[in-house]
N, C-alpha and C. Protein backbone atom coordinates (compact mmCIF):
# COMPACT_ATOMS: atom_id res chain seq x y z
N MET A 1 9.79 -0.77 -13.58
CA MET A 1 8.50 -0.35 -13.77
C MET A 1 7.76 1.25 -12.14
N SER A 2 6.88 0.65 -12.22
CA SER A 2 6.07 2.27 -11.08
C SER A 2 5.14 2.06 -10.59
N LEU A 3 5.14 2.83 -9.57
CA LEU A 3 3.91 2.49 -8.87
C LEU A 3 2.41 1.85 -9.31
N SER A 4 2.20 3.47 -10.54
CA SER A 4 1.39 2.88 -11.19
C SER A 4 0.88 1.07 -11.85
N ASP A 5 1.80 0.29 -11.73
CA ASP A 5 2.18 -0.77 -12.56
C ASP A 5 1.24 -1.81 -11.78
N TYR A 6 1.02 -1.11 -10.25
CA TYR A 6 0.60 -1.81 -9.01
C TYR A 6 -1.07 -2.09 -8.80
N ILE A 7 -1.28 -1.02 -9.69
CA ILE A 7 -2.80 -0.21 -9.00
C ILE A 7 -3.35 -0.19 -10.57
N PRO A 8 -4.57 -1.00 -10.61
CA PRO A 8 -5.39 -0.73 -11.44
C PRO A 8 -6.35 0.47 -11.77
N SER A 9 -6.51 0.51 -13.09
CA SER A 9 -6.27 2.09 -13.50
C SER A 9 -7.97 1.98 -13.53
N LYS A 10 -8.87 1.05 -13.46
CA LYS A 10 -9.97 1.63 -12.50
C LYS A 10 -10.51 1.45 -11.27
N CYS A 11 -8.92 1.74 -10.49
CA CYS A 11 -9.65 1.94 -8.93
C CYS A 11 -9.40 3.40 -8.81
N SER A 12 -9.73 4.06 -8.47
CA SER A 12 -9.58 5.50 -8.41
C SER A 12 -9.03 5.91 -6.63
N LYS A 13 -8.82 6.57 -6.97
CA LYS A 13 -8.45 7.42 -5.58
C LYS A 13 -9.34 8.30 -4.72
N THR A 14 -9.75 7.06 -4.03
CA THR A 14 -10.65 8.27 -3.46
C THR A 14 -10.82 8.15 -1.77
N MET A 15 -9.64 7.87 -1.06
CA MET A 15 -9.23 8.36 0.61
C MET A 15 -7.58 9.50 0.07
N SER A 16 -7.86 10.20 1.33
CA SER A 16 -7.88 10.81 1.27
C SER A 16 -6.29 10.34 2.94
N CYS A 17 -5.41 10.39 1.78
CA CYS A 17 -3.81 9.89 2.99
C CYS A 17 -2.63 10.89 2.13
N SER A 18 -2.15 10.20 4.36
CA SER A 18 -0.92 11.80 4.60
C SER A 18 -0.02 11.54 2.84
N GLU A 19 0.48 12.55 2.94
CA GLU A 19 1.81 12.02 1.81
C GLU A 19 3.02 10.45 1.32
N ASP A 20 2.85 10.35 0.89
CA ASP A 20 3.95 9.26 0.50
C ASP A 20 3.05 8.19 0.10
N TRP A 21 1.61 8.30 0.77
CA TRP A 21 0.24 6.95 0.60
C TRP A 21 -0.43 7.04 -0.33
N ILE A 22 -0.42 6.13 -0.50
CA ILE A 22 -1.13 5.40 -1.57
C ILE A 22 -2.85 5.58 -1.23
N GLY A 23 -3.95 5.84 -1.48
CA GLY A 23 -5.42 5.99 -1.61
C GLY A 23 -6.34 5.65 -2.53
N VAL A 24 -6.23 3.88 -1.91
CA VAL A 24 -7.64 2.88 -2.78
C VAL A 24 -8.47 2.77 -2.60
N GLY A 25 -9.65 3.04 -2.69
CA GLY A 25 -11.06 2.36 -2.55
C GLY A 25 -10.96 3.71 -0.76
N LYS A 26 -11.03 2.19 -0.36
CA LYS A 26 -11.24 2.99 1.68
C LYS A 26 -9.78 3.21 1.76
N LYS A 27 -8.78 2.53 2.08
CA LYS A 27 -7.58 2.10 1.91
C LYS A 27 -6.40 2.99 1.66
N CYS A 28 -5.50 3.18 2.80
CA CYS A 28 -4.04 3.72 1.96
C CYS A 28 -3.21 3.11 2.06
N PHE A 29 -1.95 2.74 1.27
CA PHE A 29 -1.06 2.07 0.94
C PHE A 29 0.01 3.25 1.18
N TYR A 30 1.05 2.31 1.80
CA TYR A 30 2.51 2.32 1.29
C TYR A 30 3.16 1.93 0.94
N PHE A 31 4.43 1.86 -0.20
CA PHE A 31 4.88 1.16 -0.69
C PHE A 31 6.09 1.10 -0.70
N SER A 32 7.24 0.34 -0.71
CA SER A 32 8.80 0.82 -0.24
C SER A 32 9.56 -0.94 -0.25
N ASP A 33 10.57 -0.66 -0.96
CA ASP A 33 11.44 -1.44 -1.52
C ASP A 33 12.37 -1.66 -0.43
N THR A 34 13.06 -0.91 0.07
CA THR A 34 14.05 -0.96 1.13
C THR A 34 14.16 -1.53 2.51
N ARG A 35 13.61 -1.99 2.82
CA ARG A 35 12.68 -2.63 3.78
C ARG A 35 12.76 -4.01 3.97
N ASN A 36 13.25 -4.63 5.12
CA ASN A 36 12.82 -6.30 5.02
C ASN A 36 11.64 -6.34 5.71
N TRP A 37 10.86 -7.60 6.13
CA TRP A 37 9.13 -7.83 6.43
C TRP A 37 9.23 -7.24 8.10
N THR A 38 10.41 -7.49 8.68
CA THR A 38 10.54 -7.27 10.21
C THR A 38 10.73 -5.41 10.22
N ALA A 39 11.36 -4.95 9.56
CA ALA A 39 11.62 -4.02 9.45
C ALA A 39 9.81 -2.99 8.83
N SER A 40 10.00 -3.43 8.03
CA SER A 40 7.93 -3.15 7.44
C SER A 40 7.16 -3.45 8.81
N LYS A 41 7.18 -4.34 9.40
CA LYS A 41 6.45 -4.43 10.29
C LYS A 41 6.61 -3.47 10.95
N ARG A 42 7.22 -3.38 11.29
CA ARG A 42 7.87 -2.70 12.63
C ARG A 42 7.82 -1.34 12.59
N PHE A 43 7.71 -0.68 11.27
CA PHE A 43 7.31 1.12 10.30
C PHE A 43 5.71 1.18 9.98
N CYS A 44 4.66 -0.23 9.76
CA CYS A 44 3.47 0.04 10.06
C CYS A 44 3.05 0.42 11.29
N SER A 45 3.69 -0.79 12.52
CA SER A 45 2.78 -0.24 13.30
C SER A 45 3.22 0.96 13.97
N SER A 46 4.17 1.67 13.64
CA SER A 46 4.10 2.52 14.21
C SER A 46 3.85 3.78 13.92
N GLN A 47 2.97 3.72 12.64
CA GLN A 47 2.29 3.77 11.72
C GLN A 47 0.60 4.19 11.98
N GLY A 48 0.40 3.01 13.43
CA GLY A 48 -0.98 3.13 13.28
C GLY A 48 -1.36 2.04 12.42
N SER A 49 -1.05 1.00 11.41
CA SER A 49 -1.66 0.40 9.93
C SER A 49 -0.79 -1.43 10.12
N GLU A 50 -0.74 -1.81 9.64
CA GLU A 50 -0.80 -2.76 9.10
C GLU A 50 0.27 -3.53 7.92
N LEU A 51 0.62 -4.43 7.77
CA LEU A 51 1.66 -5.15 7.08
C LEU A 51 0.82 -5.22 5.53
N ALA A 52 0.46 -5.05 4.86
CA ALA A 52 -0.29 -6.29 3.93
C ALA A 52 -0.59 -7.41 3.59
N GLN A 53 -0.90 -8.16 2.97
CA GLN A 53 -0.66 -9.38 2.67
C GLN A 53 -1.88 -9.72 1.95
N ILE A 54 -1.01 -10.10 0.57
CA ILE A 54 -2.02 -10.44 -0.98
C ILE A 54 -1.70 -12.28 -0.77
N ASP A 55 -3.42 -12.11 -1.09
CA ASP A 55 -3.75 -13.48 -0.72
C ASP A 55 -3.69 -14.33 -2.07
N THR A 56 -4.01 -13.43 -3.04
CA THR A 56 -3.54 -14.57 -4.86
C THR A 56 -3.44 -12.72 -5.64
N GLN A 57 -2.89 -13.80 -6.80
CA GLN A 57 -2.60 -13.05 -7.75
C GLN A 57 -3.44 -12.65 -8.81
N ARG A 58 -4.72 -12.70 -8.63
CA ARG A 58 -5.75 -11.94 -8.64
C ARG A 58 -5.74 -10.48 -9.09
N ILE A 59 -5.71 -9.88 -10.19
CA ILE A 59 -5.84 -7.97 -10.01
C ILE A 59 -7.37 -7.93 -10.17
N TRP A 60 -8.20 -6.71 -9.04
CA TRP A 60 -9.32 -6.49 -8.88
C TRP A 60 -10.12 -6.60 -9.82
């Protein structure tokens, strides 16, 4: 699977984000599968961001 499998095609990259971050709407997302939850939360905090929380299986 690639990153594009997680982002619906109807969403456009409208946000200008830092390198390695993906812009969707008015948000920037960073995807990593190499960190556990604690390390991910610490990384997000160091970037001035928050860990994303997925509340539903529904795709936009």
